[in-house]
N, C-alpha and C. Protein backbone atom coordinates (compact mmCIF):
# COMPACT_ATOMS: atom_id res chain seq x y z
N UNK A 1 60.26 143.72 80.17
CA UNK A 1 60.70 142.47 80.76
C UNK A 1 59.51 141.53 80.90
N UNK A 2 59.75 140.26 80.74
CA UNK A 2 58.74 139.22 80.79
C UNK A 2 58.14 139.10 82.19
N UNK A 3 56.82 138.88 82.24
CA UNK A 3 56.15 138.66 83.52
C UNK A 3 56.62 137.34 84.12
N UNK A 4 56.63 137.25 85.44
CA UNK A 4 57.09 136.00 86.07
C UNK A 4 56.15 134.83 85.76
N UNK A 5 56.75 133.67 85.65
CA UNK A 5 56.04 132.41 85.45
C UNK A 5 56.46 131.45 86.56
N UNK A 6 55.60 130.53 86.90
CA UNK A 6 55.89 129.55 87.94
C UNK A 6 57.02 128.62 87.46
N UNK A 7 58.06 128.45 88.27
CA UNK A 7 59.15 127.55 87.86
C UNK A 7 58.73 126.08 87.91
N UNK A 8 57.67 125.77 88.62
CA UNK A 8 57.23 124.39 88.76
C UNK A 8 56.31 123.95 87.62
N UNK A 9 55.26 124.75 87.34
CA UNK A 9 54.28 124.33 86.32
C UNK A 9 54.31 125.22 85.08
N UNK A 10 55.02 126.35 85.11
CA UNK A 10 55.17 127.20 83.94
C UNK A 10 54.05 128.19 83.68
N UNK A 11 53.03 128.23 84.53
CA UNK A 11 51.90 129.12 84.30
C UNK A 11 52.27 130.59 84.57
N UNK A 12 51.63 131.50 83.84
CA UNK A 12 51.84 132.92 84.14
C UNK A 12 50.91 133.42 85.26
N UNK A 13 50.04 132.53 85.77
CA UNK A 13 49.10 132.93 86.82
C UNK A 13 49.78 132.86 88.18
N UNK A 14 50.56 133.89 88.45
CA UNK A 14 51.27 134.00 89.73
C UNK A 14 50.90 135.32 90.38
N UNK A 15 51.10 135.39 91.68
CA UNK A 15 50.75 136.60 92.42
C UNK A 15 51.89 136.95 93.37
N UNK A 16 52.26 138.22 93.38
CA UNK A 16 53.25 138.68 94.34
C UNK A 16 52.63 138.62 95.72
N UNK A 17 53.41 138.15 96.70
CA UNK A 17 52.90 137.98 98.06
C UNK A 17 53.79 138.71 99.06
N UNK A 18 53.33 138.76 100.29
CA UNK A 18 54.09 139.42 101.35
C UNK A 18 55.29 138.59 101.77
N UNK A 19 56.31 139.28 102.28
CA UNK A 19 57.53 138.61 102.76
C UNK A 19 57.22 137.76 103.99
N UNK A 20 58.05 136.76 104.17
CA UNK A 20 58.00 135.95 105.40
C UNK A 20 59.37 136.04 106.05
N UNK A 21 59.49 136.91 107.01
CA UNK A 21 60.72 136.99 107.77
C UNK A 21 61.72 137.99 107.25
N UNK A 22 62.78 138.13 108.02
CA UNK A 22 63.80 139.13 107.74
C UNK A 22 64.61 138.82 106.49
N UNK A 23 64.86 137.54 106.23
CA UNK A 23 65.66 137.18 105.07
C UNK A 23 64.98 137.63 103.77
N UNK A 24 63.66 137.46 103.69
CA UNK A 24 62.96 137.91 102.48
C UNK A 24 62.95 139.43 102.37
N UNK A 25 62.90 140.12 103.48
CA UNK A 25 62.97 141.59 103.42
C UNK A 25 64.33 142.03 102.89
N UNK A 26 65.37 141.31 103.28
CA UNK A 26 66.72 141.61 102.77
C UNK A 26 66.78 141.31 101.27
N UNK A 27 66.23 140.17 100.87
CA UNK A 27 66.21 139.82 99.44
C UNK A 27 65.44 140.84 98.62
N UNK A 28 64.37 141.42 99.20
CA UNK A 28 63.61 142.46 98.51
C UNK A 28 64.50 143.67 98.20
N UNK A 29 65.39 143.99 99.11
CA UNK A 29 66.31 145.12 98.88
C UNK A 29 67.19 144.88 97.66
N UNK A 30 67.46 143.59 97.38
CA UNK A 30 68.26 143.21 96.21
C UNK A 30 67.36 142.84 95.03
N UNK A 31 66.09 143.21 95.14
CA UNK A 31 65.08 143.06 94.10
C UNK A 31 64.73 141.61 93.77
N UNK A 32 64.74 140.74 94.80
CA UNK A 32 64.20 139.38 94.69
C UNK A 32 62.87 139.39 95.44
N UNK A 33 61.78 139.23 94.69
CA UNK A 33 60.44 139.36 95.27
C UNK A 33 59.74 138.01 95.35
N UNK A 34 58.97 137.77 96.44
CA UNK A 34 58.27 136.49 96.59
C UNK A 34 56.96 136.46 95.79
N UNK A 35 56.70 135.31 95.17
CA UNK A 35 55.48 135.07 94.40
C UNK A 35 54.88 133.73 94.80
N UNK A 36 53.58 133.56 94.52
CA UNK A 36 52.89 132.30 94.76
C UNK A 36 52.15 131.92 93.48
N UNK A 37 52.34 130.69 93.02
CA UNK A 37 51.61 130.19 91.86
C UNK A 37 50.16 129.99 92.27
N UNK A 38 49.24 130.46 91.44
CA UNK A 38 47.82 130.37 91.74
C UNK A 38 47.24 129.00 91.41
N UNK A 39 48.03 128.13 90.77
CA UNK A 39 47.54 126.81 90.39
C UNK A 39 48.20 125.68 91.17
N UNK A 40 49.53 125.62 91.14
CA UNK A 40 50.20 124.50 91.82
C UNK A 40 50.65 124.86 93.23
N UNK A 41 50.45 126.09 93.66
CA UNK A 41 50.72 126.63 95.00
C UNK A 41 52.20 126.77 95.34
N UNK A 42 53.08 126.64 94.35
CA UNK A 42 54.52 126.79 94.59
C UNK A 42 54.84 128.23 95.00
N UNK A 43 55.68 128.37 96.01
CA UNK A 43 56.17 129.67 96.46
C UNK A 43 57.58 129.82 95.92
N UNK A 44 57.89 130.97 95.29
CA UNK A 44 59.21 131.17 94.70
C UNK A 44 59.55 132.66 94.70
N UNK A 45 60.81 132.97 94.43
CA UNK A 45 61.26 134.36 94.34
C UNK A 45 61.77 134.64 92.93
N UNK A 46 61.58 135.89 92.50
CA UNK A 46 61.97 136.30 91.16
C UNK A 46 62.77 137.59 91.26
N UNK A 47 63.88 137.65 90.52
CA UNK A 47 64.65 138.89 90.44
C UNK A 47 63.98 139.79 89.42
N UNK A 48 63.75 141.01 89.82
CA UNK A 48 63.17 142.02 88.92
C UNK A 48 64.06 143.26 88.97
N UNK A 49 64.39 143.79 87.81
CA UNK A 49 65.30 144.94 87.77
C UNK A 49 64.62 146.23 88.24
N UNK A 50 63.30 146.23 88.33
CA UNK A 50 62.60 147.40 88.83
C UNK A 50 61.80 147.00 90.07
N UNK A 51 61.66 147.91 90.98
CA UNK A 51 60.95 147.62 92.22
C UNK A 51 59.45 147.57 91.98
N UNK A 52 58.80 146.70 92.72
CA UNK A 52 57.34 146.61 92.67
C UNK A 52 56.76 147.58 93.68
N UNK A 53 55.58 148.09 93.42
CA UNK A 53 54.94 148.92 94.45
C UNK A 53 54.62 148.05 95.65
N UNK A 54 54.66 148.60 96.85
CA UNK A 54 54.38 147.79 98.04
C UNK A 54 52.95 147.23 98.01
N UNK A 55 52.81 146.02 98.54
CA UNK A 55 51.48 145.41 98.62
C UNK A 55 50.67 146.08 99.71
N UNK A 56 49.36 146.17 99.52
CA UNK A 56 48.54 146.76 100.58
C UNK A 56 48.62 145.90 101.85
N UNK A 57 48.76 146.54 102.99
CA UNK A 57 48.87 145.82 104.26
C UNK A 57 47.59 145.06 104.59
N UNK A 58 46.47 145.52 104.05
CA UNK A 58 45.19 144.88 104.38
C UNK A 58 44.97 143.57 103.61
N UNK A 59 45.65 143.38 102.48
CA UNK A 59 45.47 142.18 101.68
C UNK A 59 46.61 141.20 101.95
N UNK A 60 46.37 140.23 102.83
CA UNK A 60 47.39 139.26 103.20
C UNK A 60 47.22 137.93 102.46
N UNK A 61 46.25 137.83 101.58
CA UNK A 61 46.01 136.57 100.87
C UNK A 61 47.13 136.27 99.88
N UNK A 62 47.45 135.00 99.77
CA UNK A 62 48.46 134.57 98.81
C UNK A 62 47.83 134.10 97.51
N UNK A 63 46.51 133.96 97.51
CA UNK A 63 45.81 133.48 96.32
C UNK A 63 44.69 134.45 95.97
N UNK A 64 44.49 134.67 94.68
CA UNK A 64 43.42 135.52 94.20
C UNK A 64 42.10 134.78 94.33
N UNK A 65 41.12 135.41 94.97
CA UNK A 65 39.79 134.81 95.07
C UNK A 65 39.03 135.13 93.79
N UNK A 66 38.40 134.11 93.23
CA UNK A 66 37.67 134.25 91.97
C UNK A 66 36.19 134.03 92.20
N UNK A 67 35.32 134.92 91.68
CA UNK A 67 33.88 134.77 91.90
C UNK A 67 33.33 133.53 91.19
N UNK A 68 32.51 132.77 91.91
CA UNK A 68 31.88 131.56 91.37
C UNK A 68 30.50 131.39 92.00
N UNK A 69 29.79 130.41 91.54
CA UNK A 69 28.55 130.01 92.18
C UNK A 69 28.47 128.49 92.09
N UNK A 70 29.07 127.82 93.07
CA UNK A 70 29.11 126.37 93.12
C UNK A 70 28.32 125.88 94.31
N UNK A 71 27.70 124.73 94.15
CA UNK A 71 27.07 124.09 95.31
C UNK A 71 28.16 123.40 96.12
N UNK A 72 27.94 123.30 97.43
CA UNK A 72 28.90 122.64 98.29
C UNK A 72 28.18 122.02 99.49
N UNK A 73 28.68 120.89 99.92
CA UNK A 73 28.19 120.26 101.15
C UNK A 73 29.24 120.42 102.22
N UNK A 74 28.82 120.89 103.36
CA UNK A 74 29.70 121.15 104.49
C UNK A 74 29.35 120.19 105.61
N UNK A 75 30.36 119.52 106.13
CA UNK A 75 30.16 118.61 107.24
C UNK A 75 31.05 119.05 108.39
N UNK A 76 30.44 119.57 109.45
CA UNK A 76 31.19 119.98 110.63
C UNK A 76 31.30 118.79 111.57
N UNK A 77 32.38 118.75 112.33
CA UNK A 77 32.56 117.69 113.32
C UNK A 77 31.41 117.79 114.32
N UNK A 78 30.76 116.68 114.59
CA UNK A 78 29.61 116.61 115.50
C UNK A 78 28.47 117.53 115.07
N UNK A 79 28.33 117.73 113.78
CA UNK A 79 27.25 118.59 113.30
C UNK A 79 26.57 118.00 112.10
N UNK A 80 25.45 118.58 111.70
CA UNK A 80 24.73 118.07 110.54
C UNK A 80 25.42 118.48 109.24
N UNK A 81 25.12 117.76 108.17
CA UNK A 81 25.61 118.14 106.85
C UNK A 81 24.73 119.27 106.34
N UNK A 82 25.36 120.32 105.79
CA UNK A 82 24.62 121.47 105.29
C UNK A 82 24.96 121.69 103.82
N UNK A 83 23.95 122.01 103.02
CA UNK A 83 24.18 122.37 101.62
C UNK A 83 24.29 123.89 101.54
N UNK A 84 25.34 124.36 100.91
CA UNK A 84 25.65 125.79 100.84
C UNK A 84 26.05 126.15 99.43
N UNK A 85 26.43 127.42 99.26
CA UNK A 85 26.90 127.91 97.97
C UNK A 85 28.24 128.59 98.15
N UNK A 86 29.22 128.20 97.32
CA UNK A 86 30.53 128.85 97.30
C UNK A 86 30.40 130.09 96.42
N UNK A 87 30.77 131.26 96.97
CA UNK A 87 30.65 132.51 96.21
C UNK A 87 31.97 132.98 95.63
N UNK A 88 33.09 132.58 96.23
CA UNK A 88 34.40 132.81 95.63
C UNK A 88 35.35 131.71 96.09
N UNK A 89 36.39 131.49 95.27
CA UNK A 89 37.27 130.35 95.53
C UNK A 89 38.68 130.64 95.07
N UNK A 90 39.64 129.98 95.70
CA UNK A 90 41.04 129.99 95.29
C UNK A 90 41.64 128.67 95.71
N UNK A 91 42.92 128.47 95.44
CA UNK A 91 43.57 127.23 95.88
C UNK A 91 43.74 127.21 97.40
N UNK A 92 43.62 128.35 98.04
CA UNK A 92 43.82 128.42 99.49
C UNK A 92 42.56 128.45 100.32
N UNK A 93 41.41 128.68 99.69
CA UNK A 93 40.18 128.75 100.48
C UNK A 93 39.01 129.25 99.66
N UNK A 94 37.91 129.51 100.36
CA UNK A 94 36.70 129.97 99.68
C UNK A 94 35.82 130.73 100.66
N UNK A 95 34.80 131.38 100.11
CA UNK A 95 33.75 131.99 100.92
C UNK A 95 32.50 131.18 100.68
N UNK A 96 31.84 130.85 101.76
CA UNK A 96 30.65 130.01 101.71
C UNK A 96 29.46 130.82 102.17
N UNK A 97 28.44 130.89 101.33
CA UNK A 97 27.18 131.53 101.71
C UNK A 97 26.38 130.48 102.47
N UNK A 98 26.03 130.79 103.70
CA UNK A 98 25.38 129.80 104.54
C UNK A 98 24.40 130.45 105.50
N UNK A 99 23.37 129.73 105.88
CA UNK A 99 22.39 130.25 106.84
C UNK A 99 22.94 130.16 108.26
N UNK A 100 23.70 129.11 108.54
CA UNK A 100 24.22 128.89 109.89
C UNK A 100 25.74 128.95 109.87
N UNK A 101 26.30 130.11 110.20
CA UNK A 101 27.75 130.26 110.23
C UNK A 101 28.31 129.55 111.47
N UNK A 102 29.47 128.95 111.30
CA UNK A 102 30.15 128.25 112.40
C UNK A 102 31.17 129.19 113.04
N UNK A 103 31.55 128.94 114.29
CA UNK A 103 32.54 129.81 114.93
C UNK A 103 33.93 129.68 114.29
N UNK A 104 34.69 130.76 114.38
CA UNK A 104 36.06 130.78 113.88
C UNK A 104 36.85 129.66 114.54
N UNK A 105 37.72 129.00 113.75
CA UNK A 105 38.55 127.92 114.27
C UNK A 105 37.93 126.54 114.16
N UNK A 106 36.68 126.46 113.71
CA UNK A 106 36.01 125.17 113.55
C UNK A 106 36.58 124.44 112.34
N UNK A 107 36.88 123.14 112.52
CA UNK A 107 37.37 122.32 111.41
C UNK A 107 36.18 121.64 110.75
N UNK A 108 36.18 121.64 109.42
CA UNK A 108 35.08 121.08 108.65
C UNK A 108 35.62 120.27 107.48
N UNK A 109 34.73 119.48 106.91
CA UNK A 109 35.00 118.79 105.64
C UNK A 109 34.08 119.44 104.62
N UNK A 110 34.58 119.63 103.41
CA UNK A 110 33.82 120.33 102.38
C UNK A 110 33.88 119.55 101.08
N UNK A 111 32.74 119.40 100.43
CA UNK A 111 32.67 118.78 99.10
C UNK A 111 32.06 119.82 98.16
N UNK A 112 32.86 120.24 97.18
CA UNK A 112 32.46 121.27 96.23
C UNK A 112 32.04 120.61 94.93
N UNK A 113 30.92 121.06 94.38
CA UNK A 113 30.42 120.53 93.11
C UNK A 113 30.49 121.64 92.07
N UNK A 114 31.62 121.72 91.31
CA UNK A 114 31.80 122.81 90.35
C UNK A 114 30.75 122.83 89.25
N UNK A 115 30.38 121.67 88.75
CA UNK A 115 29.35 121.58 87.70
C UNK A 115 28.69 120.21 87.82
N UNK A 116 27.51 120.09 87.27
CA UNK A 116 26.77 118.84 87.42
C UNK A 116 27.47 117.66 86.76
N UNK A 117 28.25 117.92 85.71
CA UNK A 117 28.90 116.82 85.00
C UNK A 117 30.33 116.55 85.49
N UNK A 118 30.82 117.35 86.43
CA UNK A 118 32.17 117.17 86.95
C UNK A 118 32.14 116.41 88.27
N UNK A 119 33.24 115.69 88.51
CA UNK A 119 33.37 114.97 89.77
C UNK A 119 33.56 115.98 90.91
N UNK A 120 32.92 115.76 92.06
CA UNK A 120 33.07 116.70 93.18
C UNK A 120 34.52 116.77 93.68
N UNK A 121 34.86 117.89 94.27
CA UNK A 121 36.17 118.11 94.85
C UNK A 121 36.02 118.05 96.36
N UNK A 122 36.74 117.14 96.98
CA UNK A 122 36.62 116.96 98.44
C UNK A 122 37.81 117.61 99.14
N UNK A 123 37.48 118.52 100.04
CA UNK A 123 38.49 119.15 100.90
C UNK A 123 38.41 118.38 102.22
N UNK A 124 39.42 117.58 102.50
CA UNK A 124 39.41 116.73 103.70
C UNK A 124 39.28 117.56 104.98
N UNK A 125 40.08 118.63 105.06
CA UNK A 125 40.05 119.49 106.25
C UNK A 125 40.12 120.94 105.81
N UNK A 126 39.16 121.71 106.28
CA UNK A 126 39.16 123.16 106.10
C UNK A 126 38.87 123.78 107.45
N UNK A 127 39.28 125.03 107.61
CA UNK A 127 39.06 125.71 108.88
C UNK A 127 38.31 127.02 108.64
N UNK A 128 37.35 127.29 109.51
CA UNK A 128 36.61 128.54 109.43
C UNK A 128 37.54 129.66 109.91
N UNK A 129 37.86 130.58 109.00
CA UNK A 129 38.76 131.70 109.32
C UNK A 129 38.00 132.98 109.66
N UNK A 130 36.83 133.12 109.08
CA UNK A 130 36.01 134.28 109.38
C UNK A 130 34.55 133.88 109.33
N UNK A 131 33.77 134.51 110.16
CA UNK A 131 32.35 134.18 110.24
C UNK A 131 31.55 135.47 110.29
N UNK A 132 30.66 135.64 109.32
CA UNK A 132 29.82 136.82 109.23
C UNK A 132 28.38 136.36 109.07
N UNK A 133 27.42 137.21 109.35
CA UNK A 133 26.03 136.80 109.12
C UNK A 133 25.83 136.46 107.64
N UNK A 134 25.42 135.25 107.37
CA UNK A 134 25.14 134.82 106.01
C UNK A 134 26.30 134.21 105.25
N UNK A 135 27.52 134.31 105.78
CA UNK A 135 28.66 133.71 105.07
C UNK A 135 29.81 133.45 106.03
N UNK A 136 30.74 132.62 105.56
CA UNK A 136 31.96 132.38 106.32
C UNK A 136 33.10 132.10 105.36
N UNK A 137 34.30 132.46 105.79
CA UNK A 137 35.51 132.22 105.01
C UNK A 137 36.19 130.97 105.49
N UNK A 138 36.56 130.10 104.55
CA UNK A 138 37.24 128.85 104.88
C UNK A 138 38.64 128.85 104.30
N UNK A 139 39.56 128.28 105.05
CA UNK A 139 40.92 128.06 104.58
C UNK A 139 41.10 126.57 104.37
N UNK A 140 41.60 126.17 103.19
CA UNK A 140 41.80 124.76 102.89
C UNK A 140 43.10 124.29 103.53
N UNK A 141 43.02 123.23 104.32
CA UNK A 141 44.20 122.71 105.00
C UNK A 141 44.70 121.39 104.41
N UNK A 142 43.78 120.45 104.12
CA UNK A 142 44.19 119.14 103.60
C UNK A 142 43.25 118.69 102.49
N UNK A 143 43.87 118.19 101.40
CA UNK A 143 43.10 117.52 100.35
C UNK A 143 44.03 116.55 99.63
N UNK A 144 43.47 115.47 99.13
CA UNK A 144 44.29 114.50 98.42
C UNK A 144 44.72 115.08 97.08
N UNK A 145 45.78 114.53 96.52
CA UNK A 145 46.37 115.07 95.30
C UNK A 145 45.38 115.13 94.13
N UNK A 146 44.58 114.09 93.97
CA UNK A 146 43.61 114.09 92.85
C UNK A 146 42.62 115.25 92.98
N UNK A 147 42.15 115.51 94.20
CA UNK A 147 41.22 116.62 94.41
C UNK A 147 41.91 117.96 94.23
N UNK A 148 43.16 118.05 94.67
CA UNK A 148 43.92 119.29 94.48
C UNK A 148 44.11 119.56 92.99
N UNK A 149 44.38 118.52 92.21
CA UNK A 149 44.54 118.68 90.76
C UNK A 149 43.23 119.11 90.10
N UNK A 150 42.11 118.53 90.54
CA UNK A 150 40.81 118.94 89.98
C UNK A 150 40.50 120.40 90.33
N UNK A 151 40.79 120.79 91.58
CA UNK A 151 40.59 122.19 91.97
C UNK A 151 41.47 123.11 91.14
N UNK A 152 42.70 122.69 90.90
CA UNK A 152 43.63 123.48 90.09
C UNK A 152 43.08 123.68 88.67
N UNK A 153 42.46 122.65 88.10
CA UNK A 153 41.88 122.76 86.76
C UNK A 153 40.70 123.73 86.75
N UNK A 154 39.89 123.70 87.80
CA UNK A 154 38.76 124.64 87.92
C UNK A 154 39.30 126.06 88.02
N UNK A 155 40.31 126.27 88.87
CA UNK A 155 40.91 127.60 89.03
C UNK A 155 41.51 128.07 87.71
N UNK A 156 42.19 127.17 87.00
CA UNK A 156 42.78 127.53 85.71
C UNK A 156 41.71 128.01 84.73
N UNK A 157 40.60 127.29 84.65
CA UNK A 157 39.55 127.72 83.72
C UNK A 157 38.97 129.07 84.13
N UNK A 158 38.86 129.32 85.43
CA UNK A 158 38.36 130.62 85.89
C UNK A 158 39.36 131.74 85.57
N UNK A 159 40.66 131.47 85.79
CA UNK A 159 41.68 132.48 85.51
C UNK A 159 41.79 132.78 84.02
N UNK A 160 41.70 131.74 83.18
CA UNK A 160 41.75 131.95 81.73
C UNK A 160 40.53 132.76 81.30
N UNK A 161 39.36 132.42 81.82
CA UNK A 161 38.15 133.17 81.50
C UNK A 161 38.25 134.62 81.93
N UNK A 162 38.80 134.85 83.11
CA UNK A 162 38.99 136.21 83.62
C UNK A 162 39.99 136.97 82.75
N UNK A 163 41.07 136.31 82.37
CA UNK A 163 42.10 136.93 81.54
C UNK A 163 41.55 137.29 80.16
N UNK A 164 40.78 136.39 79.56
CA UNK A 164 40.17 136.68 78.26
C UNK A 164 39.20 137.85 78.36
N UNK A 165 38.42 137.89 79.44
CA UNK A 165 37.47 138.97 79.65
C UNK A 165 38.20 140.31 79.78
N UNK A 166 39.30 140.34 80.54
CA UNK A 166 40.04 141.58 80.73
C UNK A 166 40.69 142.03 79.42
N UNK A 167 41.26 141.10 78.65
CA UNK A 167 41.88 141.46 77.38
C UNK A 167 40.86 141.95 76.37
N UNK A 168 39.68 141.37 76.38
CA UNK A 168 38.64 141.76 75.44
C UNK A 168 38.14 143.17 75.72
N UNK A 169 38.03 143.54 76.99
CA UNK A 169 37.47 144.85 77.34
C UNK A 169 38.53 145.91 77.65
N UNK A 170 39.81 145.61 77.46
CA UNK A 170 40.83 146.63 77.73
C UNK A 170 41.37 147.26 76.48
């Protein structure tokens, strides 16, 4: 049977995600499983004639994090601008390598520079979800459509590169 594709943008880069509520658990019994598009962020359900193995309870992310090394400028409310490095990224958030981690729940603005010749991607509002010595996890909350589209193109190129790498070595 064909792998699921996003009904909105048609990409095969989708990820099965955890249920939200009792109705989705009931739909799972009838083999309708929830998925999230890794590019356009559409959430949808797909009928599958065979059951999927249960998702690990520890992995609650709806987006696959992809390893990168991008420069980024972080601006915290009432704080100085800091230059950092993004170590992994998805449409939903990123991990930032930083000398000064901010407390969980802090709202920040983030400007990611994927490459020197590309226009920066501005995340209007992000929230610190986890804070560890040397790094912190950010969840993207708000970005304008043009920036979301640029981020989607970056993610697409990373996913295609990852897919080609896996096919070449498998």
